[in-house]
Amino acid sequence: MSTPDPVHSTPVRLRVFSLNCWGIRYLSKHCAQRYAMIGDLLAKEQYDVILLQEVWCEKDFEALKKKLACSHPHSHYFKSGVIGSGLAIFSKHRIQDTLRYSYSLNGYPYMLQHGDWFGGKAVGMAVLSIG
């Protein structure tokens, strides 16, 4: 029995959606309405993976998770800093592993309107089980 060659295997096609939600509670205008519209749109669309940034409130993540549970049963919220990293992933495919890498430079606490220091800038990575 031969081992499949990963270089010459059948290509996989994924539809990936990425959006900065600009969801700073009490600073961003129409935040609740924006998340409701984002959830409605994403539940109807056929994306395999959804990557969201600036989902600063875990309550907003949980609301999106509930709304997307049927279409994207796998999700992860990358916790970081005082208020979270704002990074979230929703997937049709099982999430095997995740990693959050926090940047060492995260803004300044006296620049409240930027929110960077409170959130802790980071990048989130995920390994998905596809196929």
N, C-alpha and C. Protein backbone atom coordinates (compact mmCIF):
# COMPACT_ATOMS: atom_id res chain seq x y z
N MET A 1 0.83 -1.17 0.00
CA MET A 1 0.00 0.00 0.00
C MET A 1 0.88 1.24 0.00
N SER A 2 0.60 2.17 -0.90
CA SER A 2 1.43 3.36 -1.00
C SER A 2 0.84 4.51 -0.18
N THR A 3 1.70 5.39 0.25
CA THR A 3 1.29 6.57 1.01
C THR A 3 0.92 7.68 0.03
N PRO A 4 -0.21 8.38 0.24
CA PRO A 4 -0.58 9.46 -0.66
C PRO A 4 0.48 10.56 -0.67
N ASP A 5 0.72 11.09 -1.84
CA ASP A 5 1.70 12.17 -2.01
C ASP A 5 1.01 13.51 -1.76
N PRO A 6 1.32 14.21 -0.66
CA PRO A 6 0.62 15.47 -0.36
C PRO A 6 0.86 16.55 -1.40
N VAL A 7 1.95 16.49 -2.12
CA VAL A 7 2.24 17.51 -3.13
C VAL A 7 1.34 17.34 -4.35
N HIS A 8 0.99 16.11 -4.70
CA HIS A 8 0.21 15.85 -5.91
C HIS A 8 -1.22 15.39 -5.59
N SER A 9 -1.69 15.68 -4.40
CA SER A 9 -3.05 15.27 -4.04
C SER A 9 -4.07 16.21 -4.69
N THR A 10 -5.32 15.82 -4.62
CA THR A 10 -6.39 16.61 -5.20
C THR A 10 -6.52 17.94 -4.47
N PRO A 11 -6.56 19.04 -5.20
CA PRO A 11 -6.67 20.35 -4.54
C PRO A 11 -8.03 20.51 -3.85
N VAL A 12 -8.03 21.26 -2.78
CA VAL A 12 -9.24 21.54 -2.01
C VAL A 12 -9.62 22.99 -2.24
N ARG A 13 -10.88 23.20 -2.49
CA ARG A 13 -11.36 24.56 -2.70
C ARG A 13 -12.13 25.02 -1.46
N LEU A 14 -11.71 26.13 -0.89
CA LEU A 14 -12.36 26.69 0.30
C LEU A 14 -12.84 28.11 0.01
N ARG A 15 -14.02 28.41 0.49
CA ARG A 15 -14.52 29.79 0.43
C ARG A 15 -14.28 30.41 1.80
N VAL A 16 -13.43 31.43 1.84
CA VAL A 16 -13.04 32.06 3.09
C VAL A 16 -13.53 33.50 3.09
N PHE A 17 -14.12 33.90 4.21
CA PHE A 17 -14.64 35.26 4.39
C PHE A 17 -13.91 35.89 5.57
N SER A 18 -13.41 37.10 5.38
CA SER A 18 -12.72 37.82 6.45
C SER A 18 -13.31 39.22 6.57
N LEU A 19 -13.56 39.65 7.81
CA LEU A 19 -14.19 40.96 8.02
C LEU A 19 -13.72 41.57 9.33
N ASN A 20 -13.39 42.85 9.30
CA ASN A 20 -13.16 43.62 10.50
C ASN A 20 -14.51 44.17 10.93
N CYS A 21 -15.04 43.69 12.03
CA CYS A 21 -16.40 44.04 12.47
C CYS A 21 -16.50 45.41 13.13
N TRP A 22 -15.39 46.00 13.49
CA TRP A 22 -15.36 47.31 14.14
C TRP A 22 -16.35 47.33 15.29
N GLY A 23 -16.18 46.38 16.20
CA GLY A 23 -17.17 46.16 17.25
C GLY A 23 -16.77 46.62 18.63
N ILE A 24 -16.32 47.84 18.77
CA ILE A 24 -15.95 48.35 20.09
C ILE A 24 -17.22 48.84 20.77
N ARG A 25 -17.68 48.08 21.76
CA ARG A 25 -18.91 48.44 22.49
C ARG A 25 -18.82 49.86 23.03
N TYR A 26 -19.90 50.58 22.89
CA TYR A 26 -20.07 51.95 23.38
C TYR A 26 -19.28 53.00 22.59
N LEU A 27 -18.38 52.58 21.70
CA LEU A 27 -17.66 53.53 20.85
C LEU A 27 -18.08 53.39 19.39
N SER A 28 -18.28 52.16 18.94
CA SER A 28 -18.71 51.93 17.56
C SER A 28 -20.22 52.14 17.48
N LYS A 29 -20.63 52.87 16.47
CA LYS A 29 -22.07 53.14 16.29
C LYS A 29 -22.79 51.92 15.75
N HIS A 30 -24.02 51.71 16.21
CA HIS A 30 -24.90 50.65 15.70
C HIS A 30 -24.29 49.25 15.83
N CYS A 31 -23.58 49.02 16.90
CA CYS A 31 -22.87 47.76 17.10
C CYS A 31 -23.82 46.55 17.12
N ALA A 32 -24.86 46.62 17.90
CA ALA A 32 -25.79 45.48 18.00
C ALA A 32 -26.45 45.18 16.65
N GLN A 33 -26.86 46.24 15.95
CA GLN A 33 -27.48 46.05 14.63
C GLN A 33 -26.47 45.47 13.63
N ARG A 34 -25.23 45.93 13.72
CA ARG A 34 -24.20 45.45 12.80
C ARG A 34 -23.98 43.95 12.99
N TYR A 35 -23.87 43.50 14.26
CA TYR A 35 -23.65 42.07 14.50
C TYR A 35 -24.85 41.24 14.06
N ALA A 36 -26.04 41.76 14.25
CA ALA A 36 -27.24 41.04 13.81
C ALA A 36 -27.23 40.87 12.29
N MET A 37 -26.86 41.93 11.58
CA MET A 37 -26.81 41.85 10.11
C MET A 37 -25.69 40.94 9.64
N ILE A 38 -24.53 41.01 10.30
CA ILE A 38 -23.41 40.14 9.94
C ILE A 38 -23.81 38.68 10.13
N GLY A 39 -24.42 38.36 11.26
CA GLY A 39 -24.86 36.99 11.53
C GLY A 39 -25.88 36.50 10.52
N ASP A 40 -26.85 37.35 10.19
CA ASP A 40 -27.87 36.97 9.19
C ASP A 40 -27.25 36.68 7.84
N LEU A 41 -26.34 37.55 7.41
CA LEU A 41 -25.69 37.38 6.11
C LEU A 41 -24.85 36.11 6.08
N LEU A 42 -24.04 35.90 7.11
CA LEU A 42 -23.14 34.75 7.12
C LEU A 42 -23.89 33.43 7.24
N ALA A 43 -25.01 33.43 7.91
CA ALA A 43 -25.81 32.20 8.02
C ALA A 43 -26.37 31.78 6.67
N LYS A 44 -26.60 32.74 5.77
CA LYS A 44 -27.16 32.45 4.44
C LYS A 44 -26.08 32.09 3.41
N GLU A 45 -24.90 32.66 3.57
CA GLU A 45 -23.84 32.47 2.58
C GLU A 45 -23.21 31.08 2.72
N GLN A 46 -22.44 30.68 1.73
CA GLN A 46 -21.85 29.34 1.69
C GLN A 46 -20.34 29.36 1.94
N TYR A 47 -19.89 30.16 2.89
CA TYR A 47 -18.46 30.21 3.19
C TYR A 47 -18.07 28.99 4.02
N ASP A 48 -16.89 28.47 3.75
CA ASP A 48 -16.38 27.33 4.52
C ASP A 48 -15.77 27.81 5.84
N VAL A 49 -15.08 28.93 5.77
CA VAL A 49 -14.39 29.47 6.94
C VAL A 49 -14.68 30.97 7.02
N ILE A 50 -14.98 31.43 8.23
CA ILE A 50 -15.25 32.85 8.47
C ILE A 50 -14.24 33.34 9.50
N LEU A 51 -13.51 34.39 9.16
CA LEU A 51 -12.50 34.97 10.04
C LEU A 51 -12.95 36.39 10.38
N LEU A 52 -13.16 36.65 11.66
CA LEU A 52 -13.64 37.97 12.07
C LEU A 52 -12.62 38.64 12.99
N GLN A 53 -12.46 39.94 12.80
CA GLN A 53 -11.59 40.74 13.64
C GLN A 53 -12.44 41.80 14.34
N GLU A 54 -11.92 42.28 15.47
CA GLU A 54 -12.56 43.31 16.28
C GLU A 54 -13.95 42.91 16.78
N VAL A 55 -14.06 41.65 17.17
CA VAL A 55 -15.24 41.18 17.90
C VAL A 55 -14.82 41.28 19.37
N TRP A 56 -14.87 42.51 19.90
CA TRP A 56 -14.26 42.79 21.20
C TRP A 56 -15.03 42.24 22.37
N CYS A 57 -16.29 41.99 22.22
CA CYS A 57 -17.11 41.53 23.34
C CYS A 57 -17.43 40.04 23.15
N GLU A 58 -17.09 39.24 24.15
CA GLU A 58 -17.34 37.80 24.03
C GLU A 58 -18.84 37.51 23.90
N LYS A 59 -19.66 38.39 24.44
CA LYS A 59 -21.12 38.26 24.30
C LYS A 59 -21.51 38.34 22.82
N ASP A 60 -20.86 39.20 22.05
CA ASP A 60 -21.13 39.30 20.62
C ASP A 60 -20.69 38.02 19.90
N PHE A 61 -19.54 37.47 20.31
CA PHE A 61 -19.08 36.21 19.74
C PHE A 61 -20.10 35.10 20.01
N GLU A 62 -20.59 35.03 21.25
CA GLU A 62 -21.56 33.99 21.62
C GLU A 62 -22.86 34.13 20.82
N ALA A 63 -23.28 35.37 20.58
CA ALA A 63 -24.50 35.59 19.77
C ALA A 63 -24.28 35.12 18.33
N LEU A 64 -23.11 35.42 17.77
CA LEU A 64 -22.80 34.96 16.42
C LEU A 64 -22.69 33.43 16.38
N LYS A 65 -22.07 32.87 17.40
CA LYS A 65 -21.92 31.41 17.48
C LYS A 65 -23.28 30.72 17.47
N LYS A 66 -24.21 31.27 18.22
CA LYS A 66 -25.57 30.72 18.26
C LYS A 66 -26.26 30.83 16.91
N LYS A 67 -26.09 31.99 16.27
CA LYS A 67 -26.74 32.23 14.98
C LYS A 67 -26.14 31.36 13.86
N LEU A 68 -24.84 31.06 13.98
CA LEU A 68 -24.15 30.31 12.93
C LEU A 68 -24.02 28.81 13.26
N ALA A 69 -24.60 28.36 14.35
CA ALA A 69 -24.42 26.98 14.81
C ALA A 69 -24.80 25.93 13.76
N CYS A 70 -25.85 26.18 13.00
CA CYS A 70 -26.28 25.20 11.99
C CYS A 70 -25.36 25.19 10.77
N SER A 71 -24.93 26.36 10.34
CA SER A 71 -24.11 26.43 9.12
C SER A 71 -22.61 26.27 9.41
N HIS A 72 -22.16 26.70 10.57
CA HIS A 72 -20.74 26.65 10.94
C HIS A 72 -20.63 26.14 12.39
N PRO A 73 -20.72 24.82 12.57
CA PRO A 73 -20.79 24.26 13.92
C PRO A 73 -19.50 24.37 14.74
N HIS A 74 -18.41 24.70 14.10
CA HIS A 74 -17.12 24.77 14.80
C HIS A 74 -16.68 26.23 14.89
N SER A 75 -16.25 26.64 16.09
CA SER A 75 -15.84 28.03 16.26
C SER A 75 -14.81 28.14 17.36
N HIS A 76 -14.12 29.27 17.37
CA HIS A 76 -13.14 29.55 18.42
C HIS A 76 -13.00 31.04 18.58
N TYR A 77 -12.93 31.48 19.83
CA TYR A 77 -12.71 32.89 20.17
C TYR A 77 -11.34 32.97 20.83
N PHE A 78 -10.46 33.77 20.27
CA PHE A 78 -9.08 33.88 20.77
C PHE A 78 -9.03 34.89 21.90
N LYS A 79 -8.95 34.41 23.13
CA LYS A 79 -8.92 35.29 24.31
C LYS A 79 -7.52 35.87 24.48
N SER A 80 -7.49 37.16 24.85
CA SER A 80 -6.21 37.84 25.03
C SER A 80 -6.45 39.19 25.69
N GLY A 81 -5.47 39.71 26.39
CA GLY A 81 -5.55 41.04 26.96
C GLY A 81 -6.69 41.19 27.96
N VAL A 82 -7.04 42.41 28.25
CA VAL A 82 -8.09 42.72 29.22
C VAL A 82 -9.47 42.43 28.64
N ILE A 83 -9.67 42.81 27.38
CA ILE A 83 -11.00 42.66 26.76
C ILE A 83 -11.03 41.64 25.64
N GLY A 84 -9.96 40.91 25.43
CA GLY A 84 -9.92 39.91 24.37
C GLY A 84 -9.17 40.40 23.15
N SER A 85 -8.81 39.49 22.29
CA SER A 85 -8.06 39.85 21.08
C SER A 85 -8.98 40.38 19.99
N GLY A 86 -10.27 40.06 20.11
CA GLY A 86 -11.22 40.45 19.08
C GLY A 86 -11.23 39.51 17.89
N LEU A 87 -10.49 38.41 17.98
CA LEU A 87 -10.37 37.48 16.85
C LEU A 87 -11.27 36.28 17.05
N ALA A 88 -11.98 35.91 15.98
CA ALA A 88 -12.88 34.76 16.05
C ALA A 88 -12.86 34.02 14.72
N ILE A 89 -13.07 32.72 14.79
CA ILE A 89 -13.16 31.89 13.59
C ILE A 89 -14.40 31.02 13.70
N PHE A 90 -15.11 30.87 12.58
CA PHE A 90 -16.25 29.97 12.46
C PHE A 90 -15.97 29.08 11.26
N SER A 91 -16.25 27.79 11.39
CA SER A 91 -15.88 26.87 10.32
C SER A 91 -16.90 25.76 10.14
N LYS A 92 -17.05 25.34 8.89
CA LYS A 92 -17.85 24.16 8.60
C LYS A 92 -17.04 22.90 8.91
N HIS A 93 -15.72 23.05 8.95
CA HIS A 93 -14.81 21.94 9.19
C HIS A 93 -14.35 21.96 10.64
N ARG A 94 -14.08 20.77 11.16
CA ARG A 94 -13.66 20.64 12.56
C ARG A 94 -12.34 21.38 12.79
N ILE A 95 -12.28 22.12 13.88
CA ILE A 95 -11.05 22.82 14.27
C ILE A 95 -10.24 21.86 15.15
N GLN A 96 -9.09 21.44 14.65
CA GLN A 96 -8.26 20.49 15.38
C GLN A 96 -7.42 21.16 16.45
N ASP A 97 -6.91 22.34 16.13
CA ASP A 97 -6.00 23.02 17.06
C ASP A 97 -6.02 24.51 16.77
N THR A 98 -5.71 25.31 17.78
CA THR A 98 -5.61 26.75 17.61
C THR A 98 -4.38 27.26 18.32
N LEU A 99 -3.92 28.41 17.88
CA LEU A 99 -2.78 29.07 18.51
C LEU A 99 -2.99 30.56 18.40
N ARG A 100 -2.76 31.26 19.49
CA ARG A 100 -2.81 32.71 19.49
C ARG A 100 -1.41 33.22 19.76
N TYR A 101 -0.92 34.08 18.87
CA TYR A 101 0.40 34.69 19.06
C TYR A 101 0.16 36.17 19.35
N SER A 102 0.52 36.60 20.55
CA SER A 102 0.33 38.00 20.94
C SER A 102 1.56 38.81 20.57
N TYR A 103 1.31 39.98 20.01
CA TYR A 103 2.41 40.89 19.66
C TYR A 103 2.93 41.56 20.92
N SER A 104 4.22 41.85 20.95
CA SER A 104 4.82 42.48 22.13
C SER A 104 4.47 43.96 22.21
N LEU A 105 4.18 44.60 21.10
CA LEU A 105 3.83 46.02 21.08
C LEU A 105 2.32 46.14 20.90
N ASN A 106 1.63 46.72 21.88
CA ASN A 106 0.17 46.74 21.87
C ASN A 106 -0.45 48.11 22.11
N GLY A 107 0.16 49.16 21.69
CA GLY A 107 -0.42 50.48 21.89
C GLY A 107 -0.17 51.00 23.30
N TYR A 108 -0.94 52.01 23.68
CA TYR A 108 -0.71 52.70 24.94
C TYR A 108 -2.00 52.81 25.74
N PRO A 109 -1.95 52.62 27.07
CA PRO A 109 -3.17 52.66 27.88
C PRO A 109 -3.85 54.02 27.90
N TYR A 110 -3.11 55.10 27.66
CA TYR A 110 -3.72 56.43 27.69
C TYR A 110 -4.43 56.78 26.38
N MET A 111 -4.32 55.95 25.35
CA MET A 111 -5.03 56.16 24.09
C MET A 111 -6.27 55.27 24.08
N LEU A 112 -7.23 55.62 24.95
CA LEU A 112 -8.43 54.80 25.14
C LEU A 112 -9.19 54.54 23.85
N GLN A 113 -9.26 55.55 22.98
CA GLN A 113 -10.05 55.42 21.76
C GLN A 113 -9.49 54.37 20.80
N HIS A 114 -8.23 54.00 20.94
CA HIS A 114 -7.65 52.99 20.05
C HIS A 114 -7.95 51.57 20.51
N GLY A 115 -8.01 51.36 21.81
CA GLY A 115 -8.36 50.05 22.34
C GLY A 115 -7.28 49.00 22.23
N ASP A 116 -6.15 49.31 21.57
CA ASP A 116 -5.11 48.32 21.32
C ASP A 116 -4.51 47.75 22.59
N TRP A 117 -4.22 48.60 23.55
CA TRP A 117 -3.58 48.14 24.78
C TRP A 117 -4.49 47.21 25.57
N PHE A 118 -5.78 47.52 25.61
CA PHE A 118 -6.73 46.73 26.37
C PHE A 118 -7.00 45.38 25.72
N GLY A 119 -6.96 45.34 24.42
CA GLY A 119 -7.26 44.10 23.70
C GLY A 119 -6.08 43.18 23.55
N GLY A 120 -4.91 43.72 23.45
CA GLY A 120 -3.74 42.88 23.24
C GLY A 120 -3.71 42.36 21.81
N LYS A 121 -3.03 43.09 20.93
CA LYS A 121 -2.98 42.69 19.52
C LYS A 121 -2.39 41.29 19.38
N ALA A 122 -2.98 40.53 18.48
CA ALA A 122 -2.57 39.15 18.30
C ALA A 122 -2.95 38.66 16.91
N VAL A 123 -2.42 37.52 16.55
CA VAL A 123 -2.84 36.82 15.35
C VAL A 123 -3.30 35.44 15.81
N GLY A 124 -4.40 34.98 15.25
CA GLY A 124 -4.91 33.66 15.60
C GLY A 124 -4.69 32.70 14.44
N MET A 125 -4.30 31.49 14.77
CA MET A 125 -4.09 30.47 13.76
C MET A 125 -4.91 29.24 14.13
N ALA A 126 -5.39 28.53 13.12
CA ALA A 126 -6.20 27.34 13.37
C ALA A 126 -5.83 26.25 12.38
N VAL A 127 -5.85 25.01 12.85
CA VAL A 127 -5.67 23.84 12.00
C VAL A 127 -7.04 23.20 11.85
N LEU A 128 -7.48 23.06 10.61
CA LEU A 128 -8.80 22.50 10.33
C LEU A 128 -8.67 21.09 9.76
N SER A 129 -9.64 20.26 10.08
CA SER A 129 -9.72 18.92 9.51
C SER A 129 -10.66 19.00 8.30
N ILE A 130 -10.08 18.94 7.11
CA ILE A 130 -10.87 19.11 5.89
C ILE A 130 -10.94 17.77 5.15
N GLY A 131 -12.15 17.41 4.77
CA GLY A 131 -12.30 16.22 3.96
C GLY A 131 -12.77 15.01 4.66
